[in-house]
C-alpha atoms as a PDB file:
ATOM      1  CA  MET A   1     -87.881-133.542 266.099  1.00  0.00           C
ATOM      2  CA  GLY A   2     -89.483-130.711 267.679  1.00  0.00           C
ATOM      3  CA  LEU A   3     -88.687-127.219 266.919  1.00  0.00           C
ATOM      4  CA  SER A   4     -86.800-126.465 270.539  1.00  0.00           C
ATOM      5  CA  ALA A   5     -84.540-129.733 269.847  1.00  0.00           C
ATOM      6  CA  SER A   6     -83.910-128.825 266.375  1.00  0.00           C
ATOM      7  CA  GLN A   7     -82.863-125.498 267.508  1.00  0.00           C
ATOM      8  CA  ALA A   8     -80.733-126.907 270.198  1.00  0.00           C
ATOM      9  CA  ARG A   9     -79.189-129.032 267.835  1.00  0.00           C
ATOM     10  CA  PHE A  10     -78.486-126.425 265.525  1.00  0.00           C
ATOM     11  CA  LEU A  11     -76.702-124.357 267.678  1.00  0.00           C
ATOM     12  CA  GLN A  12     -74.349-127.104 268.992  1.00  0.00           C
ATOM     13  CA  LEU A  13     -73.371-128.003 265.454  1.00  0.00           C
ATOM     14  CA  THR A  14     -72.957-124.254 264.691  1.00  0.00           C
ATOM     15  CA  ALA A  15     -70.586-124.207 267.544  1.00  0.00           C
ATOM     16  CA  ARG A  16     -68.674-127.417 266.420  1.00  0.00           C
ATOM     17  CA  ARG A  17     -68.154-125.968 263.170  1.00  0.00           C
ATOM     18  CA  SER A  18     -66.704-122.544 264.641  1.00  0.00           C
ATOM     19  CA  ASN A  19     -64.338-124.748 266.304  1.00  0.00           C
ATOM     20  CA  VAL A  20     -63.354-126.660 263.416  1.00  0.00           C
ATOM     21  CA  GLU A  21     -62.776-123.842 261.733  1.00  0.00           C
ATOM     22  CA  TYR A  22     -60.709-122.319 264.230  1.00  0.00           C
ATOM     23  CA  GLN A  23     -58.766-125.521 264.286  1.00  0.00           C
ATOM     24  CA  ALA A  24     -58.302-125.475 260.455  1.00  0.00           C
ATOM     25  CA  GLN A  25     -57.170-121.542 260.799  1.00  0.00           C
ATOM     26  CA  GLN A  26     -54.478-122.497 263.515  1.00  0.00           C
ATOM     27  CA  ILE A  27     -52.963-125.584 260.965  1.00  0.00           C
ATOM     28  CA  ASN A  28     -52.971-123.176 258.145  1.00  0.00           C
ATOM     29  CA  PHE A  29     -51.134-120.745 260.568  1.00  0.00           C
ATOM     30  CA  GLN A  30     -48.382-123.136 261.485  1.00  0.00           C
ATOM     31  CA  ARG A  31     -48.012-124.323 258.345  1.00  0.00           C
ATOM     32  CA  LEU A  32     -47.103-120.908 257.214  1.00  0.00           C
ATOM     33  CA  GLN A  33     -44.795-120.142 260.161  1.00  0.00           C
ATOM     34  CA  TRP A  34     -42.816-123.827 259.124  1.00  0.00           C
ATOM     35  CA  SER A  35     -42.805-122.451 255.317  1.00  0.00           C
ATOM     36  CA  ASP A  36     -41.315-119.052 256.749  1.00  0.00           C
ATOM     37  CA  LYS A  37     -38.590-121.223 258.470  1.00  0.00           C
ATOM     38  CA  LEU A  38     -37.839-123.149 255.614  1.00  0.00           C
ATOM     39  CA  GLU A  39     -37.574-120.089 253.536  1.00  0.00           C
ATOM     40  CA  ALA A  40     -35.078-118.772 256.131  1.00  0.00           C
ATOM     41  CA  ALA A  41     -32.928-121.553 256.003  1.00  0.00           C
ATOM     42  CA  SER A  42     -33.334-121.365 252.003  1.00  0.00           C
ATOM     43  CA  MET A  43     -31.806-117.874 252.007  1.00  0.00           C
ATOM     44  CA  LYS A  44     -29.154-119.009 254.794  1.00  0.00           C
ATOM     45  CA  TYR A  45     -28.111-121.917 252.610  1.00  0.00           C
ATOM     46  CA  GLN A  46     -28.106-119.537 249.375  1.00  0.00           C
ATOM     47  CA  ASP A  47     -25.668-117.106 251.168  1.00  0.00           C
ATOM     48  CA  ALA A  48     -23.473-120.086 252.457  1.00  0.00           C
ATOM     49  CA  THR A  49     -22.668-121.416 249.296  1.00  0.00           C
ATOM     50  CA  THR A  50     -22.575-117.988 247.446  1.00  0.00           C
ATOM     51  CA  ASN A  51     -20.393-116.068 250.070  1.00  0.00           C
ATOM     52  CA  ARG A  52     -16.925-114.630 249.063  1.00  0.00           C
ATOM     53  CA  VAL A  53     -13.766-114.480 250.611  1.00  0.00           C
ATOM     54  CA  LEU A  54     -10.070-112.886 249.898  1.00  0.00           C
ATOM     55  CA  THR A  55      -7.252-114.848 249.808  1.00  0.00           C
ATOM     56  CA  PHE A  56      -3.261-114.117 249.494  1.00  0.00           C
ATOM     57  CA  ALA A  57      -1.000-115.465 247.530  1.00  0.00           C
ATOM     58  CA  PHE A  58       2.148-115.980 249.770  1.00  0.00           C
ATOM     59  CA  ASN A  59       5.266-117.449 248.173  1.00  0.00           C
ATOM     60  CA  ASN A  60       7.041-119.350 250.444  1.00  0.00           C
ATOM     61  CA  GLY A  61      10.125-119.561 248.828  1.00  0.00           C
ATOM     62  CA  SER A  62       9.480-122.925 247.104  1.00  0.00           C
ATOM     63  CA  SER A  63       5.731-122.471 246.016  1.00  0.00           C
ATOM     64  CA  ILE A  64       2.737-120.376 245.878  1.00  0.00           C
ATOM     65  CA  GLN A  65       0.476-120.803 248.994  1.00  0.00           C
ATOM     66  CA  ASP A  66      -3.346-119.676 248.941  1.00  0.00           C
ATOM     67  CA  VAL A  67      -4.218-118.071 252.289  1.00  0.00           C
ATOM     68  CA  ASP A  68      -7.231-116.433 253.873  1.00  0.00           C
ATOM     69  CA  VAL A  69      -6.885-112.822 254.286  1.00  0.00           C
ATOM     70  CA  THR A  70      -7.182-112.619 257.703  1.00  0.00           C
ATOM     71  CA  TYR A  71      -5.537-110.411 260.570  1.00  0.00           C
ATOM     72  CA  LYS A  72      -3.583-113.147 261.779  1.00  0.00           C
ATOM     73  CA  ASN A  73      -2.247-114.175 258.272  1.00  0.00           C
ATOM     74  CA  TYR A  74      -1.811-110.780 257.093  1.00  0.00           C
ATOM     75  CA  LYS A  75       1.011-110.666 260.236  1.00  0.00           C
ATOM     76  CA  ASN A  76       2.127-113.882 259.528  1.00  0.00           C
ATOM     77  CA  TYR A  77       2.176-113.702 255.653  1.00  0.00           C
ATOM     78  CA  MET A  78       2.228-110.157 254.428  1.00  0.00           C
ATOM     79  CA  ASN A  79       3.767-108.148 257.245  1.00  0.00           C
ATOM     80  CA  GLN A  80       6.325-110.306 259.329  1.00  0.00           C
ATOM     81  CA  GLN A  81       7.163-112.420 256.086  1.00  0.00           C
ATOM     82  CA  MET A  82       9.818-110.019 254.891  1.00  0.00           C
ATOM     83  CA  ASP A  83      11.646-109.629 258.029  1.00  0.00           C
ATOM     84  CA  GLY A  84      15.144-110.745 257.780  1.00  0.00           C
ATOM     85  CA  LEU A  85      14.666-110.799 253.665  1.00  0.00           C
ATOM     86  CA  SER A  86      15.962-109.121 250.876  1.00  0.00           C
ATOM     87  CA  THR A  87      15.197-105.451 251.345  1.00  0.00           C
ATOM     88  CA  SER A  88      14.180-105.666 247.650  1.00  0.00           C
ATOM     89  CA  GLN A  89      11.029-107.489 248.790  1.00  0.00           C
ATOM     90  CA  GLN A  90       8.008-105.313 249.617  1.00  0.00           C
ATOM     91  CA  LYS A  91       6.748-105.568 252.914  1.00  0.00           C
ATOM     92  CA  TYR A  92       3.017-104.548 253.488  1.00  0.00           C
ATOM     93  CA  TYR A  93       1.370-102.370 256.238  1.00  0.00           C
ATOM     94  CA  LEU A  94      -2.062-102.475 257.249  1.00  0.00           C
ATOM     95  CA  VAL A  95      -2.952 -98.547 257.147  1.00  0.00           C
ATOM     96  CA  SER A  96      -6.081 -96.550 257.744  1.00  0.00           C
ATOM     97  CA  SER A  97      -8.256 -95.028 254.927  1.00  0.00           C
ATOM     98  CA  THR A  98      -6.270 -91.722 255.176  1.00  0.00           C
ATOM     99  CA  GLY A  99      -2.617 -93.501 255.096  1.00  0.00           C
ATOM    100  CA  ASN A 100      -1.371 -91.712 258.057  1.00  0.00           C
ATOM    101  CA  LYS A 101      -2.047 -94.851 260.891  1.00  0.00           C
ATOM    102  CA  MET A 102      -0.699 -98.289 260.881  1.00  0.00           C
ATOM    103  CA  VAL A 103      -3.723-100.147 262.043  1.00  0.00           C
ATOM    104  CA  VAL A 104      -2.872-102.778 264.850  1.00  0.00           C
ATOM    105  CA  GLY A 105      -4.935-105.165 267.019  1.00  0.00           C
ATOM    106  CA  SER A 106      -3.744-104.592 269.834  1.00  0.00           C
ATOM    107  CA  GLU A 107      -0.943-102.810 272.314  1.00  0.00           C
ATOM    108  CA  GLU A 108       1.320-105.783 271.663  1.00  0.00           C
ATOM    109  CA  ASP A 109       1.366-105.809 268.160  1.00  0.00           C
ATOM    110  CA  MET A 110       2.199-101.962 268.181  1.00  0.00           C
ATOM    111  CA  GLU A 111       4.821-102.715 270.660  1.00  0.00           C
ATOM    112  CA  THR A 112       6.243-105.633 268.526  1.00  0.00           C
ATOM    113  CA  MET A 113       6.131-103.394 265.462  1.00  0.00           C
ATOM    114  CA  ILE A 114       8.072-100.672 267.041  1.00  0.00           C
ATOM    115  CA  THR A 115      10.827-102.462 268.525  1.00  0.00           C
ATOM    116  CA  GLN A 116      11.207-104.224 265.017  1.00  0.00           C
ATOM    117  CA  SER A 117      11.512-101.012 263.408  1.00  0.00           C
ATOM    118  CA  ASN A 118      14.583-100.070 265.109  1.00  0.00           C
ATOM    119  CA  GLY A 119      13.147 -96.491 266.094  1.00  0.00           C
ATOM    120  CA  LYS A 120      11.393 -96.138 262.841  1.00  0.00           C
ATOM    121  CA  PHE A 121       7.741 -95.735 264.096  1.00  0.00           C
ATOM    122  CA  THR A 122       6.454 -94.193 267.467  1.00  0.00           C
ATOM    123  CA  TYR A 123       3.400 -94.575 269.322  1.00  0.00           C
ATOM    124  CA  ASP A 124       1.785 -91.594 267.211  1.00  0.00           C
ATOM    125  CA  ASP A 125       2.252 -93.727 264.016  1.00  0.00           C
ATOM    126  CA  PHE A 126      -0.191 -96.334 265.277  1.00  0.00           C
ATOM    127  CA  MET A 127      -4.463 -96.656 265.751  1.00  0.00           C
ATOM    128  CA  ILE A 128      -5.585 -99.790 267.688  1.00  0.00           C
ATOM    129  CA  ALA A 129      -8.372-101.555 266.240  1.00  0.00           C
ATOM    130  CA  PRO A 130      -9.885-104.387 268.925  1.00  0.00           C
ATOM    131  CA  ASP A 131     -12.118-106.220 266.192  1.00  0.00           C
ATOM    132  CA  LEU A 132      -9.568-107.049 263.552  1.00  0.00           C
ATOM    133  CA  ASP A 133      -9.708-111.050 264.458  1.00  0.00           C
ATOM    134  CA  ASN A 134     -13.208-110.841 263.520  1.00  0.00           C
ATOM    135  CA  VAL A 135     -12.500-112.379 259.936  1.00  0.00           C
ATOM    136  CA  GLU A 136     -15.662-111.190 258.368  1.00  0.00           C
ATOM    137  CA  VAL A 137     -15.056-107.376 259.951  1.00  0.00           C
ATOM    138  CA  PHE A 138     -11.645-107.584 258.874  1.00  0.00           C
ATOM    139  CA  GLN A 139     -12.152-108.629 255.080  1.00  0.00           C
ATOM    140  CA  ASP A 140     -15.041-106.223 255.033  1.00  0.00           C
ATOM    141  CA  ALA A 141     -12.915-103.393 255.780  1.00  0.00           C
ATOM    142  CA  ILE A 142     -10.189-104.206 253.225  1.00  0.00           C
ATOM    143  CA  LYS A 143     -12.812-104.554 250.845  1.00  0.00           C
ATOM    144  CA  ASN A 144     -14.637-101.166 251.486  1.00  0.00           C
ATOM    145  CA  GLY A 145     -11.578 -99.325 252.128  1.00  0.00           C
ATOM    146  CA  THR A 146     -11.694 -98.874 255.960  1.00  0.00           C
ATOM    147  CA  TYR A 147      -8.096 -99.824 255.712  1.00  0.00           C
ATOM    148  CA  TYR A 148      -5.945-100.025 253.067  1.00  0.00           C
ATOM    149  CA  PHE A 149      -2.489-102.358 252.855  1.00  0.00           C
ATOM    150  CA  ALA A 150       0.837 -99.997 251.931  1.00  0.00           C
ATOM    151  CA  THR A 151       4.211-100.263 251.298  1.00  0.00           C
ATOM    152  CA  LEU A 152       6.635 -97.818 253.263  1.00  0.00           C
ATOM    153  CA  GLU A 153       8.369 -95.822 250.371  1.00  0.00           C
ATOM    154  CA  GLU A 154      10.564 -92.793 250.354  1.00  0.00           C
ATOM    155  CA  SER A 155       9.332 -89.481 248.963  1.00  0.00           C
ATOM    156  CA  GLU A 156      10.892 -88.161 245.821  1.00  0.00           C
ATOM    157  CA  GLU A 157      10.146 -84.745 247.064  1.00  0.00           C
ATOM    158  CA  THR A 158      10.923 -84.894 250.552  1.00  0.00           C
ATOM    159  CA  GLY A 159      13.243 -87.878 250.733  1.00  0.00           C
ATOM    160  CA  GLU A 160      11.169 -88.871 253.530  1.00  0.00           C
ATOM    161  CA  SER A 161       9.564 -92.369 254.133  1.00  0.00           C
ATOM    162  CA  VAL A 162       5.718 -91.993 253.527  1.00  0.00           C
ATOM    163  CA  PHE A 163       3.184 -94.827 253.203  1.00  0.00           C
ATOM    164  CA  LYS A 164       1.913 -95.788 249.328  1.00  0.00           C
ATOM    165  CA  THR A 165      -1.683 -97.189 250.138  1.00  0.00           C
ATOM    166  CA  GLN A 166      -2.976 -99.893 247.328  1.00  0.00           C
ATOM    167  CA  GLY A 167      -6.249-101.181 246.923  1.00  0.00           C
ATOM    168  CA  TRP A 168      -6.498-105.019 247.527  1.00  0.00           C
ATOM    169  CA  GLU A 169      -7.745-105.499 243.824  1.00  0.00           C
ATOM    170  CA  THR A 170      -4.262-104.317 242.793  1.00  0.00           C
ATOM    171  CA  LEU A 171      -1.887-105.365 245.328  1.00  0.00           C
ATOM    172  CA  GLY A 172       1.216-107.039 244.449  1.00  0.00           C
ATOM    173  CA  GLY A 173      -0.217-107.177 240.790  1.00  0.00           C
ATOM    174  CA  GLY A 174      -3.210-109.557 241.867  1.00  0.00           C
ATOM    175  CA  ALA A 175      -1.632-111.076 245.134  1.00  0.00           C
ATOM    176  CA  ILE A 176      -4.992-110.851 246.628  1.00  0.00           C
ATOM    177  CA  SER A 177      -8.058-111.993 244.980  1.00  0.00           C
ATOM    178  CA  GLU A 178     -11.628-112.828 245.571  1.00  0.00           C
ATOM    179  CA  GLU A 179     -13.034-116.351 245.398  1.00  0.00           C
ATOM    180  CA  LEU A 180     -15.891-118.506 246.285  1.00  0.00           C
ATOM    181  CA  ASP A 181     -15.709-119.475 250.237  1.00  0.00           C
ATOM    182  CA  LYS A 182     -16.628-123.380 250.169  1.00  0.00           C
ATOM    183  CA  THR A 183     -15.324-124.179 253.434  1.00  0.00           C
ATOM    184  CA  ASP A 184     -19.243-123.671 255.013  1.00  0.00           C
ATOM    185  CA  ASP A 185     -20.816-125.434 252.111  1.00  0.00           C
ATOM    186  CA  THR A 186     -21.056-129.206 253.375  1.00  0.00           C
ATOM    187  CA  GLU A 187     -22.442-128.110 256.552  1.00  0.00           C
ATOM    188  CA  ALA A 188     -24.800-125.506 254.816  1.00  0.00           C
ATOM    189  CA  GLU A 189     -26.159-128.056 252.780  1.00  0.00           C
ATOM    190  CA  ALA A 190     -26.621-130.551 255.557  1.00  0.00           C
ATOM    191  CA  GLU A 191     -28.419-127.891 257.639  1.00  0.00           C
ATOM    192  CA  TYR A 192     -30.467-126.966 255.047  1.00  0.00           C
ATOM    193  CA  GLU A 193     -31.843-130.573 253.901  1.00  0.00           C
ATOM    194  CA  GLN A 194     -32.205-131.641 257.570  1.00  0.00           C
ATOM    195  CA  MET A 195     -34.658-128.569 258.025  1.00  0.00           C
ATOM    196  CA  GLN A 196     -36.163-129.114 254.309  1.00  0.00           C
ATOM    197  CA  THR A 197     -36.810-133.095 255.652  1.00  0.00           C
ATOM    198  CA  LYS A 198     -38.316-131.671 259.261  1.00  0.00           C
ATOM    199  CA  VAL A 199     -40.504-129.188 257.747  1.00  0.00           C
ATOM    200  CA  GLN A 200     -41.888-131.576 255.040  1.00  0.00           C
ATOM    201  CA  ASN A 201     -42.661-134.155 257.733  1.00  0.00           C
ATOM    202  CA  ILE A 202     -44.547-131.491 259.811  1.00  0.00           C
ATOM    203  CA  ASP A 203     -46.069-130.400 257.112  1.00  0.00           C
ATOM    204  CA  LYS A 204     -47.281-133.920 255.638  1.00  0.00           C
ATOM    205  CA  LYS A 205     -48.755-134.369 259.503  1.00  0.00           C
ATOM    206  CA  LEU A 206     -50.615-130.606 259.521  1.00  0.00           C
ATOM    207  CA  GLU A 207     -51.784-131.600 255.941  1.00  0.00           C
ATOM    208  CA  MET A 208     -53.494-134.966 257.119  1.00  0.00           C
ATOM    209  CA  GLN A 209     -54.930-133.102 260.283  1.00  0.00           C
ATOM    210  CA  LEU A 210     -56.337-130.402 258.298  1.00  0.00           C
ATOM    211  CA  ASN A 211     -57.781-132.851 255.807  1.00  0.00           C
ATOM    212  CA  GLN A 212     -59.455-134.723 258.617  1.00  0.00           C
ATOM    213  CA  LEU A 213     -60.939-131.402 259.730  1.00  0.00           C
ATOM    214  CA  GLU A 214     -62.416-130.736 256.148  1.00  0.00           C
ATOM    215  CA  THR A 215     -63.959-133.834 256.110  1.00  0.00           C
ATOM    216  CA  GLU A 216     -65.556-133.380 259.754  1.00  0.00           C
ATOM    217  CA  ARG A 217     -66.574-129.850 258.832  1.00  0.00           C
ATOM    218  CA  SER A 218     -68.276-131.648 255.458  1.00  0.00           C
ATOM    219  CA  ALA A 219     -70.305-133.632 257.962  1.00  0.00           C
ATOM    220  CA  ILE A 220     -70.861-130.774 260.057  1.00  0.00           C
ATOM    221  CA  GLN A 221     -72.646-128.740 257.616  1.00  0.00           C
ATOM    222  CA  THR A 222     -74.310-131.750 255.942  1.00  0.00           C
ATOM    223  CA  GLU A 223     -76.097-132.095 259.012  1.00  0.00           C
ATOM    224  CA  ILE A 224     -76.576-128.212 259.954  1.00  0.00           C
ATOM    225  CA  ASP A 225     -78.251-128.148 256.382  1.00  0.00           C
ATOM    226  CA  SER A 226     -80.472-131.056 257.246  1.00  0.00           C
ATOM    227  CA  ILE A 227     -81.353-129.325 260.481  1.00  0.00           C
ATOM    228  CA  SER A 228     -81.897-125.796 259.190  1.00  0.00           C
ATOM    229  CA  LYS A 229     -84.627-127.496 256.612  1.00  0.00           C
ATOM    230  CA  VAL A 230     -86.174-129.396 259.557  1.00  0.00           C
ATOM    231  CA  ILE A 231     -86.470-125.906 261.140  1.00  0.00           C
ATOM    232  CA  ASP A 232     -87.977-124.072 258.384  1.00  0.00           C
ATOM    233  CA  ASP A 233     -90.502-126.976 258.007  1.00  0.00           C
ATOM    234  CA  ASN A 234     -91.426-126.795 261.472  1.00  0.00           C
ATOM    235  CA  VAL A 235     -92.031-122.920 261.201  1.00  0.00           C
ATOM    236  CA  GLU A 236     -93.879-123.242 257.752  1.00  0.00           C
ATOM    237  CA  SER A 237     -96.023-125.656 259.487  1.00  0.00           C
ATOM    238  CA  SER A 238     -96.860-123.436 262.427  1.00  0.00           C
ATOM    239  CA  PHE A 239     -97.312-120.572 260.248  1.00  0.00           C
ATOM    240  CA  LYS A 240    -100.052-123.082 258.363  1.00  0.00           C
ATOM    241  CA  THR A 241    -101.574-124.168 261.829  1.00  0.00           C
ATOM    242  CA  PHE A 242    -102.919-120.514 262.465  1.00  0.00           C
ATOM    243  CA  SER A 243    -103.597-119.356 258.990  1.00  0.00           C
END
């Protein structure tokens, strides 16, 4: 093979090697992306299996029933449950952090409480928080003290009815507790396992492609080394001719 032909072949091989190396880089980048997706799925799975939820121990008259602390359940089990019952049983109200406003989710809820109070409450006693039906938002607000539960009691000093606020940890001597939320564990596990299987299958295919490219690159490099030697020999031979 002449010098010109050798140099042309050398350039072709060098270009092929660059292309193969670029393809390998792209595959490694894809593998990294899928690895990141699997890590994100793993974090989501961990969050789902370690998240905690507030539950309320509700006495339905015959047994204790644990219900999630949601705004809906607050109205059904913690607020209105005492209507028509003995006054010796406590009735809980959702109040602002300062304890001077009752918190409701809508104007309809406010109207209902005003009507049921027989004039004890007025519009000025309320604040409307429209996001209370969002369970996560509601529970976070209870945990961080944005809202409190309170009982309406008579002040010893003034004789007026005032709200006595309580943190959720001490409400009703432990009526509210924080537990692991297992309701989403099965779905989260299935979703994670599906992603794990998908990533493993894709990674195997990409690894095979990468191995093929490495084999091709190795063969190209071997030929490049051989051509380089031919070129060197041709150059050396040319110099000897003119020496």
